[in-house]
Amino acid sequence: DWLDDNNFFGAKQILILSASSKTGLGLAYGLHKRRPAGPRVVGLTSPSNKRFVENLGYYDHTVAYGDIATLDSGVPTTVIDFAGDGNVLAAVHRHFGDNILESTTVGLSHKDAPRPPADLPGAKPRFFFAPDQMKKRTEEWGRDGFDRKLLESWNAYAEASGSWIKVEHGTGEDAIAKVYADMLAGRINPAEGHLFSFK
């Protein structure tokens, strides 16, 4: 909604970093549902997750992190970074240069990666703060209108993801710690969702 509300910052494509993350997939799904309107959606992901991302059909094009240079650097681009990997973000900015019209970091799926340098070409990277957009839309649509639109969007994505996500259940601190460690090490299958209880 925030991207559409800002006319995608004039971009012809949206480049999503950490394209296999659940939040990245949610954004790609939402953009895909706007077809044929809206900019092209490109996903950047690890080589091991590339086929999974491609098979979902949410992205118009998917590339591995090491293949950034294969993208057309002349396309006006908005970057949405769910990875938080400064090296990847820097490579993207250096490739597209002044054709980066907006660069927004939403998450840190690569939490131990370095932060980006301050002198990147293109739009200065900034953090997205969802409560600001929620407040704006609540004022415009009213609380009930906001809640209704949020629920409609959430339900549509939940229904669509039901065809590919496998929910794994776990119990206890050891199970939580193991999956958390696997997630930090990049060993979690992107088609898995994990639901835990302490007891």
N, C-alpha and C. Protein backbone atom coordinates (compact mmCIF):
# COMPACT_ATOMS: atom_id res chain seq x y z
N ASP A 1 0.82 -1.19 0.00
CA ASP A 1 0.00 0.00 0.00
C ASP A 1 0.87 1.26 0.00
N TRP A 2 1.95 1.25 0.80
CA TRP A 2 2.84 2.41 0.89
C TRP A 2 3.49 2.70 -0.46
N LEU A 3 3.90 1.65 -1.17
CA LEU A 3 4.49 1.84 -2.49
C LEU A 3 3.48 2.45 -3.46
N ASP A 4 2.29 1.89 -3.50
CA ASP A 4 1.25 2.40 -4.38
C ASP A 4 0.87 3.82 -4.00
N ASP A 5 0.80 4.10 -2.71
CA ASP A 5 0.45 5.42 -2.21
C ASP A 5 1.48 6.47 -2.65
N ASN A 6 2.70 6.03 -2.92
CA ASN A 6 3.77 6.92 -3.38
C ASN A 6 4.08 6.74 -4.86
N ASN A 7 3.12 6.15 -5.59
CA ASN A 7 3.27 5.92 -7.03
C ASN A 7 4.58 5.20 -7.35
N PHE A 8 4.96 4.29 -6.45
CA PHE A 8 6.17 3.47 -6.62
C PHE A 8 7.42 4.33 -6.82
N PHE A 9 7.33 5.61 -6.38
CA PHE A 9 8.46 6.55 -6.48
C PHE A 9 8.91 6.75 -7.93
N GLY A 10 7.99 6.50 -8.87
CA GLY A 10 8.30 6.69 -10.28
C GLY A 10 9.08 5.55 -10.91
N ALA A 11 9.25 4.46 -10.18
CA ALA A 11 10.07 3.34 -10.67
C ALA A 11 9.31 2.51 -11.70
N LYS A 12 10.07 1.89 -12.58
CA LYS A 12 9.54 0.94 -13.56
C LYS A 12 9.67 -0.49 -13.06
N GLN A 13 10.49 -0.68 -12.01
CA GLN A 13 10.59 -2.01 -11.42
C GLN A 13 10.83 -1.88 -9.92
N ILE A 14 10.34 -2.88 -9.20
CA ILE A 14 10.59 -3.01 -7.77
C ILE A 14 11.54 -4.18 -7.61
N LEU A 15 12.67 -3.93 -6.96
CA LEU A 15 13.67 -4.97 -6.72
C LEU A 15 13.59 -5.36 -5.25
N ILE A 16 13.23 -6.61 -4.98
CA ILE A 16 13.05 -7.11 -3.61
C ILE A 16 14.25 -7.96 -3.23
N LEU A 17 14.99 -7.50 -2.20
CA LEU A 17 16.14 -8.24 -1.69
C LEU A 17 15.67 -9.18 -0.59
N SER A 18 16.17 -10.41 -0.60
CA SER A 18 15.68 -11.51 0.24
C SER A 18 14.28 -11.90 -0.23
N ALA A 19 14.21 -12.21 -1.52
CA ALA A 19 12.94 -12.49 -2.18
C ALA A 19 12.23 -13.72 -1.63
N SER A 20 12.96 -14.62 -0.96
CA SER A 20 12.32 -15.82 -0.42
C SER A 20 11.87 -15.64 1.02
N SER A 21 12.17 -14.49 1.65
CA SER A 21 11.69 -14.25 3.01
C SER A 21 10.17 -14.14 2.99
N LYS A 22 9.54 -14.50 4.08
CA LYS A 22 8.07 -14.49 4.11
C LYS A 22 7.53 -13.08 3.86
N THR A 23 8.19 -12.05 4.40
CA THR A 23 7.73 -10.69 4.18
C THR A 23 7.96 -10.27 2.74
N GLY A 24 9.10 -10.65 2.18
CA GLY A 24 9.37 -10.37 0.77
C GLY A 24 8.35 -11.04 -0.13
N LEU A 25 8.02 -12.28 0.19
CA LEU A 25 7.01 -13.00 -0.59
C LEU A 25 5.64 -12.34 -0.48
N GLY A 26 5.32 -11.85 0.73
CA GLY A 26 4.05 -11.15 0.91
C GLY A 26 3.96 -9.90 0.05
N LEU A 27 5.06 -9.13 0.00
CA LEU A 27 5.08 -7.94 -0.85
C LEU A 27 4.96 -8.33 -2.32
N ALA A 28 5.73 -9.32 -2.73
CA ALA A 28 5.69 -9.75 -4.14
C ALA A 28 4.29 -10.23 -4.51
N TYR A 29 3.64 -10.97 -3.61
CA TYR A 29 2.28 -11.43 -3.86
C TYR A 29 1.33 -10.23 -4.05
N GLY A 30 1.43 -9.26 -3.14
CA GLY A 30 0.57 -8.08 -3.24
C GLY A 30 0.78 -7.31 -4.53
N LEU A 31 2.03 -7.17 -4.94
CA LEU A 31 2.32 -6.48 -6.21
C LEU A 31 1.83 -7.30 -7.40
N HIS A 32 2.00 -8.62 -7.31
CA HIS A 32 1.54 -9.51 -8.38
C HIS A 32 0.02 -9.41 -8.57
N LYS A 33 -0.71 -9.26 -7.48
CA LYS A 33 -2.18 -9.17 -7.55
C LYS A 33 -2.64 -7.90 -8.25
N ARG A 34 -1.77 -6.91 -8.39
CA ARG A 34 -2.13 -5.66 -9.05
C ARG A 34 -2.03 -5.74 -10.56
N ARG A 35 -1.53 -6.86 -11.08
CA ARG A 35 -1.34 -7.00 -12.52
C ARG A 35 -2.64 -6.74 -13.26
N PRO A 36 -2.56 -6.10 -14.44
CA PRO A 36 -1.35 -5.74 -15.19
C PRO A 36 -0.77 -4.40 -14.80
N ALA A 37 -1.40 -3.68 -13.85
CA ALA A 37 -0.88 -2.38 -13.44
C ALA A 37 0.36 -2.54 -12.58
N GLY A 38 1.09 -1.46 -12.45
CA GLY A 38 2.23 -1.45 -11.56
C GLY A 38 3.53 -1.84 -12.23
N PRO A 39 4.63 -1.59 -11.54
CA PRO A 39 5.95 -1.89 -12.10
C PRO A 39 6.27 -3.37 -12.11
N ARG A 40 7.29 -3.71 -12.86
CA ARG A 40 7.83 -5.07 -12.90
C ARG A 40 8.39 -5.41 -11.51
N VAL A 41 8.27 -6.68 -11.12
CA VAL A 41 8.75 -7.12 -9.80
C VAL A 41 9.89 -8.11 -9.99
N VAL A 42 11.05 -7.77 -9.45
CA VAL A 42 12.25 -8.59 -9.58
C VAL A 42 12.68 -9.03 -8.19
N GLY A 43 12.97 -10.30 -8.04
CA GLY A 43 13.41 -10.85 -6.77
C GLY A 43 14.89 -11.19 -6.79
N LEU A 44 15.58 -10.85 -5.72
CA LEU A 44 16.99 -11.19 -5.53
C LEU A 44 17.05 -12.17 -4.36
N THR A 45 17.67 -13.33 -4.58
CA THR A 45 17.68 -14.37 -3.56
C THR A 45 18.94 -15.20 -3.66
N SER A 46 19.10 -16.13 -2.74
CA SER A 46 20.26 -17.02 -2.77
C SER A 46 20.08 -18.04 -3.89
N PRO A 47 21.19 -18.57 -4.42
CA PRO A 47 21.08 -19.59 -5.48
C PRO A 47 20.23 -20.79 -5.05
N SER A 48 20.33 -21.17 -3.77
CA SER A 48 19.59 -22.34 -3.30
C SER A 48 18.08 -22.11 -3.24
N ASN A 49 17.65 -20.85 -3.16
CA ASN A 49 16.21 -20.55 -3.08
C ASN A 49 15.62 -20.05 -4.39
N LYS A 50 16.46 -19.90 -5.41
CA LYS A 50 16.03 -19.28 -6.66
C LYS A 50 14.89 -20.06 -7.32
N ARG A 51 15.01 -21.35 -7.43
CA ARG A 51 13.97 -22.15 -8.09
C ARG A 51 12.64 -22.06 -7.34
N PHE A 52 12.70 -22.13 -6.01
CA PHE A 52 11.49 -22.00 -5.20
C PHE A 52 10.79 -20.68 -5.50
N VAL A 53 11.55 -19.59 -5.49
CA VAL A 53 10.99 -18.26 -5.73
C VAL A 53 10.39 -18.18 -7.14
N GLU A 54 11.10 -18.69 -8.12
CA GLU A 54 10.61 -18.66 -9.51
C GLU A 54 9.30 -19.44 -9.65
N ASN A 55 9.22 -20.59 -9.01
CA ASN A 55 8.05 -21.45 -9.16
C ASN A 55 6.77 -20.86 -8.56
N LEU A 56 6.91 -19.92 -7.63
CA LEU A 56 5.71 -19.31 -7.04
C LEU A 56 4.97 -18.44 -8.04
N GLY A 57 5.69 -17.85 -8.98
CA GLY A 57 5.06 -17.00 -9.98
C GLY A 57 4.73 -15.59 -9.50
N TYR A 58 5.22 -15.19 -8.33
CA TYR A 58 4.95 -13.84 -7.82
C TYR A 58 5.86 -12.80 -8.46
N TYR A 59 7.03 -13.23 -8.90
CA TYR A 59 8.03 -12.32 -9.45
C TYR A 59 8.05 -12.43 -10.97
N ASP A 60 8.29 -11.29 -11.63
CA ASP A 60 8.46 -11.30 -13.08
C ASP A 60 9.81 -11.87 -13.48
N HIS A 61 10.78 -11.71 -12.60
CA HIS A 61 12.14 -12.19 -12.87
C HIS A 61 12.82 -12.41 -11.53
N THR A 62 13.67 -13.43 -11.46
CA THR A 62 14.40 -13.74 -10.23
C THR A 62 15.86 -13.95 -10.56
N VAL A 63 16.74 -13.36 -9.76
CA VAL A 63 18.18 -13.55 -9.95
C VAL A 63 18.83 -13.85 -8.61
N ALA A 64 19.95 -14.56 -8.68
CA ALA A 64 20.73 -14.85 -7.48
C ALA A 64 21.57 -13.63 -7.12
N TYR A 65 21.95 -13.54 -5.85
CA TYR A 65 22.73 -12.39 -5.38
C TYR A 65 23.97 -12.14 -6.22
N GLY A 66 24.63 -13.19 -6.66
CA GLY A 66 25.85 -13.03 -7.43
C GLY A 66 25.65 -12.58 -8.86
N ASP A 67 24.38 -12.49 -9.29
CA ASP A 67 24.08 -12.14 -10.69
C ASP A 67 23.47 -10.76 -10.85
N ILE A 68 23.69 -9.88 -9.89
CA ILE A 68 23.12 -8.53 -9.96
C ILE A 68 23.50 -7.84 -11.27
N ALA A 69 24.72 -8.06 -11.73
CA ALA A 69 25.21 -7.38 -12.94
C ALA A 69 24.44 -7.77 -14.19
N THR A 70 23.63 -8.84 -14.14
CA THR A 70 22.85 -9.25 -15.31
C THR A 70 21.59 -8.40 -15.47
N LEU A 71 21.23 -7.63 -14.45
CA LEU A 71 20.03 -6.79 -14.52
C LEU A 71 20.32 -5.53 -15.32
N ASP A 72 19.31 -5.03 -16.02
CA ASP A 72 19.44 -3.81 -16.82
C ASP A 72 19.58 -2.61 -15.89
N SER A 73 20.75 -2.00 -15.86
CA SER A 73 21.02 -0.90 -14.93
C SER A 73 20.35 0.40 -15.34
N GLY A 74 19.75 0.44 -16.52
CA GLY A 74 19.09 1.66 -16.99
C GLY A 74 17.64 1.79 -16.57
N VAL A 75 17.11 0.79 -15.87
CA VAL A 75 15.70 0.81 -15.49
C VAL A 75 15.52 1.56 -14.17
N PRO A 76 14.65 2.58 -14.12
CA PRO A 76 14.37 3.26 -12.86
C PRO A 76 13.81 2.26 -11.85
N THR A 77 14.44 2.18 -10.68
CA THR A 77 14.21 1.08 -9.75
C THR A 77 13.96 1.57 -8.33
N THR A 78 12.99 0.95 -7.67
CA THR A 78 12.80 1.09 -6.23
C THR A 78 13.27 -0.20 -5.58
N VAL A 79 14.14 -0.08 -4.58
CA VAL A 79 14.69 -1.23 -3.88
C VAL A 79 13.99 -1.37 -2.53
N ILE A 80 13.49 -2.57 -2.26
CA ILE A 80 12.93 -2.89 -0.96
C ILE A 80 13.80 -4.01 -0.39
N ASP A 81 14.51 -3.69 0.67
CA ASP A 81 15.54 -4.58 1.22
C ASP A 81 15.04 -5.27 2.48
N PHE A 82 14.74 -6.56 2.36
CA PHE A 82 14.37 -7.36 3.53
C PHE A 82 15.59 -8.07 4.10
N ALA A 83 16.71 -8.06 3.37
CA ALA A 83 17.90 -8.79 3.79
C ALA A 83 18.70 -8.04 4.84
N GLY A 84 18.91 -6.75 4.61
CA GLY A 84 19.74 -5.97 5.53
C GLY A 84 21.22 -6.27 5.38
N ASP A 85 21.61 -6.79 4.23
CA ASP A 85 23.02 -7.10 3.97
C ASP A 85 23.63 -5.92 3.23
N GLY A 86 24.49 -5.18 3.93
CA GLY A 86 25.08 -3.98 3.36
C GLY A 86 25.87 -4.22 2.10
N ASN A 87 26.52 -5.37 2.00
CA ASN A 87 27.29 -5.68 0.79
C ASN A 87 26.38 -5.84 -0.42
N VAL A 88 25.27 -6.54 -0.24
CA VAL A 88 24.31 -6.74 -1.34
C VAL A 88 23.68 -5.40 -1.72
N LEU A 89 23.25 -4.64 -0.73
CA LEU A 89 22.63 -3.35 -1.02
C LEU A 89 23.61 -2.42 -1.74
N ALA A 90 24.87 -2.43 -1.31
CA ALA A 90 25.88 -1.60 -1.97
C ALA A 90 26.08 -2.04 -3.42
N ALA A 91 26.11 -3.34 -3.66
CA ALA A 91 26.27 -3.84 -5.04
C ALA A 91 25.10 -3.41 -5.91
N VAL A 92 23.90 -3.45 -5.36
CA VAL A 92 22.71 -3.02 -6.10
C VAL A 92 22.80 -1.53 -6.43
N HIS A 93 23.14 -0.72 -5.43
CA HIS A 93 23.24 0.73 -5.65
C HIS A 93 24.33 1.06 -6.66
N ARG A 94 25.44 0.39 -6.58
CA ARG A 94 26.53 0.68 -7.52
C ARG A 94 26.17 0.25 -8.94
N HIS A 95 25.39 -0.82 -9.04
CA HIS A 95 24.98 -1.29 -10.37
C HIS A 95 23.98 -0.32 -11.02
N PHE A 96 22.96 0.08 -10.27
CA PHE A 96 21.90 0.93 -10.83
C PHE A 96 22.22 2.42 -10.75
N GLY A 97 23.10 2.81 -9.85
CA GLY A 97 23.49 4.21 -9.72
C GLY A 97 22.30 5.12 -9.47
N ASP A 98 22.23 6.20 -10.24
CA ASP A 98 21.17 7.19 -10.04
C ASP A 98 19.80 6.69 -10.48
N ASN A 99 19.72 5.50 -11.04
CA ASN A 99 18.42 4.91 -11.38
C ASN A 99 17.74 4.27 -10.17
N ILE A 100 18.40 4.31 -9.01
CA ILE A 100 17.72 3.91 -7.76
C ILE A 100 16.95 5.13 -7.28
N LEU A 101 15.64 5.09 -7.42
CA LEU A 101 14.80 6.23 -7.07
C LEU A 101 14.35 6.18 -5.61
N GLU A 102 14.32 5.00 -5.04
CA GLU A 102 13.97 4.81 -3.62
C GLU A 102 14.67 3.56 -3.14
N SER A 103 15.17 3.62 -1.91
CA SER A 103 15.85 2.46 -1.31
C SER A 103 15.41 2.37 0.14
N THR A 104 14.61 1.36 0.42
CA THR A 104 14.00 1.22 1.74
C THR A 104 14.35 -0.13 2.34
N THR A 105 14.85 -0.09 3.56
CA THR A 105 15.14 -1.32 4.31
C THR A 105 13.95 -1.60 5.22
N VAL A 106 13.44 -2.82 5.11
CA VAL A 106 12.27 -3.22 5.89
C VAL A 106 12.66 -4.23 6.96
N GLY A 107 13.63 -5.09 6.68
CA GLY A 107 13.99 -6.13 7.63
C GLY A 107 15.47 -6.44 7.60
N LEU A 108 15.82 -7.42 8.41
CA LEU A 108 17.22 -7.84 8.53
C LEU A 108 17.29 -9.36 8.53
N SER A 109 16.91 -10.00 7.43
CA SER A 109 16.98 -11.46 7.40
C SER A 109 18.43 -11.94 7.42
N HIS A 110 19.37 -11.07 7.06
CA HIS A 110 20.81 -11.38 7.14
C HIS A 110 21.39 -10.52 8.26
N LYS A 111 20.99 -10.79 9.50
CA LYS A 111 21.23 -9.86 10.60
C LYS A 111 22.69 -9.61 10.93
N ASP A 112 23.58 -10.54 10.64
CA ASP A 112 24.99 -10.34 10.98
C ASP A 112 25.80 -9.75 9.83
N ALA A 113 25.15 -9.44 8.74
CA ALA A 113 25.86 -8.87 7.58
C ALA A 113 26.24 -7.42 7.88
N PRO A 114 27.27 -6.92 7.20
CA PRO A 114 27.69 -5.54 7.43
C PRO A 114 26.64 -4.54 6.94
N ARG A 115 26.66 -3.35 7.52
CA ARG A 115 25.78 -2.27 7.10
C ARG A 115 26.34 -1.64 5.82
N PRO A 116 25.49 -1.00 5.03
CA PRO A 116 25.98 -0.39 3.78
C PRO A 116 26.80 0.86 4.06
N PRO A 117 27.73 1.20 3.17
CA PRO A 117 28.46 2.46 3.33
C PRO A 117 27.52 3.65 3.13
N ALA A 118 27.94 4.81 3.61
CA ALA A 118 27.07 5.99 3.57
C ALA A 118 27.05 6.68 2.22
N ASP A 119 28.03 6.42 1.37
CA ASP A 119 28.18 7.19 0.14
C ASP A 119 27.69 6.45 -1.11
N LEU A 120 26.58 5.76 -1.01
CA LEU A 120 26.07 4.99 -2.14
C LEU A 120 25.42 5.90 -3.18
N PRO A 121 25.57 5.58 -4.47
CA PRO A 121 24.86 6.35 -5.49
C PRO A 121 23.37 6.05 -5.45
N GLY A 122 22.58 6.95 -6.02
CA GLY A 122 21.13 6.77 -6.02
C GLY A 122 20.51 7.28 -4.73
N ALA A 123 19.24 6.98 -4.56
CA ALA A 123 18.51 7.44 -3.37
C ALA A 123 19.17 6.92 -2.10
N LYS A 124 19.20 7.75 -1.09
CA LYS A 124 19.80 7.36 0.19
C LYS A 124 18.93 6.30 0.86
N PRO A 125 19.52 5.16 1.25
CA PRO A 125 18.73 4.12 1.93
C PRO A 125 18.12 4.63 3.24
N ARG A 126 16.90 4.21 3.49
CA ARG A 126 16.22 4.59 4.72
C ARG A 126 15.40 3.41 5.22
N PHE A 127 15.01 3.47 6.48
CA PHE A 127 14.20 2.42 7.08
C PHE A 127 12.72 2.74 6.92
N PHE A 128 11.95 1.69 6.66
CA PHE A 128 10.49 1.81 6.59
C PHE A 128 9.93 1.61 7.99
N PHE A 129 9.03 2.49 8.39
CA PHE A 129 8.38 2.40 9.70
C PHE A 129 6.89 2.24 9.46
N ALA A 130 6.42 1.00 9.53
CA ALA A 130 5.03 0.68 9.19
C ALA A 130 3.99 1.49 9.97
N PRO A 131 4.21 1.77 11.27
CA PRO A 131 3.18 2.53 12.00
C PRO A 131 2.86 3.89 11.38
N ASP A 132 3.81 4.52 10.70
CA ASP A 132 3.51 5.80 10.05
C ASP A 132 2.45 5.64 8.96
N GLN A 133 2.61 4.61 8.12
CA GLN A 133 1.63 4.37 7.05
C GLN A 133 0.30 3.89 7.63
N MET A 134 0.37 3.09 8.69
CA MET A 134 -0.86 2.64 9.34
C MET A 134 -1.65 3.83 9.90
N LYS A 135 -0.95 4.76 10.53
CA LYS A 135 -1.60 5.96 11.07
C LYS A 135 -2.23 6.78 9.95
N LYS A 136 -1.50 6.98 8.87
CA LYS A 136 -2.01 7.75 7.73
C LYS A 136 -3.28 7.11 7.17
N ARG A 137 -3.24 5.81 6.94
CA ARG A 137 -4.40 5.14 6.35
C ARG A 137 -5.57 5.06 7.33
N THR A 138 -5.29 4.94 8.61
CA THR A 138 -6.38 4.93 9.59
C THR A 138 -7.09 6.28 9.59
N GLU A 139 -6.32 7.36 9.47
CA GLU A 139 -6.92 8.69 9.40
C GLU A 139 -7.74 8.86 8.12
N GLU A 140 -7.28 8.30 7.02
CA GLU A 140 -7.98 8.45 5.73
C GLU A 140 -9.19 7.53 5.60
N TRP A 141 -9.05 6.30 6.05
CA TRP A 141 -10.09 5.30 5.84
C TRP A 141 -10.96 5.06 7.07
N GLY A 142 -10.54 5.55 8.21
CA GLY A 142 -11.19 5.21 9.47
C GLY A 142 -10.67 3.88 9.98
N ARG A 143 -10.85 3.65 11.28
CA ARG A 143 -10.32 2.41 11.88
C ARG A 143 -10.95 1.17 11.25
N ASP A 144 -12.26 1.19 11.07
CA ASP A 144 -12.93 0.02 10.49
C ASP A 144 -12.48 -0.22 9.06
N GLY A 145 -12.34 0.85 8.29
CA GLY A 145 -11.88 0.71 6.91
C GLY A 145 -10.48 0.15 6.83
N PHE A 146 -9.60 0.65 7.70
CA PHE A 146 -8.24 0.14 7.73
C PHE A 146 -8.23 -1.34 8.10
N ASP A 147 -8.94 -1.69 9.17
CA ASP A 147 -8.97 -3.09 9.62
C ASP A 147 -9.53 -4.00 8.54
N ARG A 148 -10.57 -3.56 7.83
CA ARG A 148 -11.17 -4.38 6.78
C ARG A 148 -10.17 -4.63 5.64
N LYS A 149 -9.50 -3.58 5.19
CA LYS A 149 -8.53 -3.73 4.09
C LYS A 149 -7.35 -4.60 4.51
N LEU A 150 -6.88 -4.42 5.74
CA LEU A 150 -5.78 -5.24 6.23
C LEU A 150 -6.18 -6.71 6.28
N LEU A 151 -7.37 -6.98 6.80
CA LEU A 151 -7.84 -8.36 6.90
C LEU A 151 -8.04 -8.98 5.52
N GLU A 152 -8.57 -8.22 4.58
CA GLU A 152 -8.75 -8.74 3.21
C GLU A 152 -7.40 -9.11 2.60
N SER A 153 -6.42 -8.24 2.76
CA SER A 153 -5.08 -8.51 2.20
C SER A 153 -4.44 -9.71 2.87
N TRP A 154 -4.52 -9.75 4.20
CA TRP A 154 -3.92 -10.85 4.94
C TRP A 154 -4.57 -12.18 4.55
N ASN A 155 -5.89 -12.21 4.50
CA ASN A 155 -6.59 -13.46 4.18
C ASN A 155 -6.26 -13.94 2.77
N ALA A 156 -6.14 -13.01 1.82
CA ALA A 156 -5.81 -13.40 0.44
C ALA A 156 -4.42 -14.02 0.38
N TYR A 157 -3.45 -13.42 1.09
CA TYR A 157 -2.09 -13.96 1.08
C TYR A 157 -2.03 -15.29 1.83
N ALA A 158 -2.73 -15.38 2.95
CA ALA A 158 -2.74 -16.64 3.71
C ALA A 158 -3.33 -17.77 2.87
N GLU A 159 -4.38 -17.48 2.14
CA GLU A 159 -4.99 -18.50 1.29
C GLU A 159 -4.04 -18.91 0.17
N ALA A 160 -3.40 -17.94 -0.46
CA ALA A 160 -2.47 -18.24 -1.56
C ALA A 160 -1.26 -19.02 -1.05
N SER A 161 -0.75 -18.67 0.11
CA SER A 161 0.44 -19.35 0.63
C SER A 161 0.12 -20.76 1.11
N GLY A 162 -1.15 -21.05 1.33
CA GLY A 162 -1.52 -22.40 1.74
C GLY A 162 -1.17 -23.46 0.72
N SER A 163 -0.98 -23.06 -0.53
CA SER A 163 -0.63 -24.03 -1.56
C SER A 163 0.85 -24.40 -1.56
N TRP A 164 1.68 -23.63 -0.88
CA TRP A 164 3.12 -23.92 -0.91
C TRP A 164 3.79 -23.99 0.47
N ILE A 165 3.18 -23.39 1.48
CA ILE A 165 3.86 -23.38 2.78
C ILE A 165 3.52 -24.64 3.57
N LYS A 166 4.52 -25.18 4.22
CA LYS A 166 4.34 -26.34 5.10
C LYS A 166 4.62 -25.87 6.52
N VAL A 167 3.61 -25.91 7.36
CA VAL A 167 3.75 -25.44 8.74
C VAL A 167 4.29 -26.57 9.60
N GLU A 168 5.41 -26.30 10.24
CA GLU A 168 6.05 -27.25 11.15
C GLU A 168 5.77 -26.80 12.58
N HIS A 169 5.33 -27.73 13.43
CA HIS A 169 5.04 -27.41 14.82
C HIS A 169 6.17 -27.91 15.72
N GLY A 170 6.49 -27.14 16.73
CA GLY A 170 7.52 -27.53 17.68
C GLY A 170 7.14 -27.12 19.09
N THR A 171 7.70 -27.83 20.06
CA THR A 171 7.39 -27.56 21.46
C THR A 171 8.68 -27.51 22.27
N GLY A 172 8.78 -26.51 23.13
CA GLY A 172 9.89 -26.43 24.06
C GLY A 172 11.03 -25.54 23.59
N GLU A 173 11.82 -25.12 24.57
CA GLU A 173 12.93 -24.20 24.31
C GLU A 173 13.98 -24.80 23.38
N ASP A 174 14.26 -26.09 23.51
CA ASP A 174 15.28 -26.71 22.66
C ASP A 174 14.86 -26.68 21.19
N ALA A 175 13.60 -26.98 20.92
CA ALA A 175 13.10 -26.96 19.54
C ALA A 175 13.16 -25.54 18.97
N ILE A 176 12.79 -24.56 19.79
CA ILE A 176 12.84 -23.17 19.35
C ILE A 176 14.28 -22.76 19.06
N ALA A 177 15.19 -23.11 19.96
CA ALA A 177 16.61 -22.74 19.79
C ALA A 177 17.21 -23.37 18.55
N LYS A 178 16.84 -24.63 18.28
CA LYS A 178 17.40 -25.31 17.10
C LYS A 178 16.96 -24.63 15.81
N VAL A 179 15.67 -24.37 15.69
CA VAL A 179 15.17 -23.74 14.46
C VAL A 179 15.71 -22.32 14.34
N TYR A 180 15.83 -21.62 15.45
CA TYR A 180 16.38 -20.27 15.41
C TYR A 180 17.82 -20.30 14.91
N ALA A 181 18.62 -21.23 15.41
CA ALA A 181 20.01 -21.36 14.96
C ALA A 181 20.07 -21.73 13.48
N ASP A 182 19.18 -22.64 13.06
CA ASP A 182 19.13 -23.02 11.64
C ASP A 182 18.75 -21.82 10.76
N MET A 183 17.83 -21.01 11.26
CA MET A 183 17.41 -19.84 10.51
C MET A 183 18.57 -18.85 10.37
N LEU A 184 19.28 -18.60 11.45
CA LEU A 184 20.42 -17.68 11.39
C LEU A 184 21.51 -18.19 10.46
N ALA A 185 21.65 -19.50 10.36
CA ALA A 185 22.67 -20.09 9.50
C ALA A 185 22.19 -20.27 8.06
N GLY A 186 20.94 -19.88 7.79
CA GLY A 186 20.41 -19.99 6.42
C GLY A 186 20.05 -21.41 6.02
N ARG A 187 19.70 -22.24 7.00
CA ARG A 187 19.39 -23.63 6.70
C ARG A 187 17.89 -23.94 6.71
N ILE A 188 17.06 -22.92 6.72
CA ILE A 188 15.61 -23.14 6.74
C ILE A 188 15.07 -23.12 5.31
N ASN A 189 14.30 -24.11 4.98
CA ASN A 189 13.63 -24.17 3.68
C ASN A 189 12.62 -23.03 3.60
N PRO A 190 12.64 -22.20 2.55
CA PRO A 190 11.70 -21.08 2.49
C PRO A 190 10.24 -21.51 2.38
N ALA A 191 10.00 -22.77 2.06
CA ALA A 191 8.62 -23.27 2.00
C ALA A 191 8.11 -23.73 3.36
N GLU A 192 8.92 -23.56 4.39
CA GLU A 192 8.51 -23.95 5.74
C GLU A 192 8.12 -22.72 6.56
N GLY A 193 7.10 -22.91 7.39
CA GLY A 193 6.74 -21.95 8.42
C GLY A 193 6.79 -22.69 9.74
N HIS A 194 7.27 -22.05 10.78
CA HIS A 194 7.45 -22.72 12.07
C HIS A 194 6.57 -22.08 13.12
N LEU A 195 5.84 -22.92 13.83
CA LEU A 195 4.94 -22.49 14.89
C LEU A 195 5.32 -23.23 16.16
N PHE A 196 5.59 -22.47 17.23
CA PHE A 196 6.10 -23.08 18.46
C PHE A 196 5.24 -22.74 19.66
N SER A 197 5.31 -23.61 20.64
CA SER A 197 4.80 -23.31 21.98
C SER A 197 5.88 -23.73 22.97
N PHE A 198 5.93 -23.07 24.11
CA PHE A 198 6.95 -23.42 25.10
C PHE A 198 6.63 -24.73 25.80
N LYS A 199 5.35 -25.09 25.87
CA LYS A 199 4.97 -26.33 26.56
C LYS A 199 4.12 -27.19 25.65
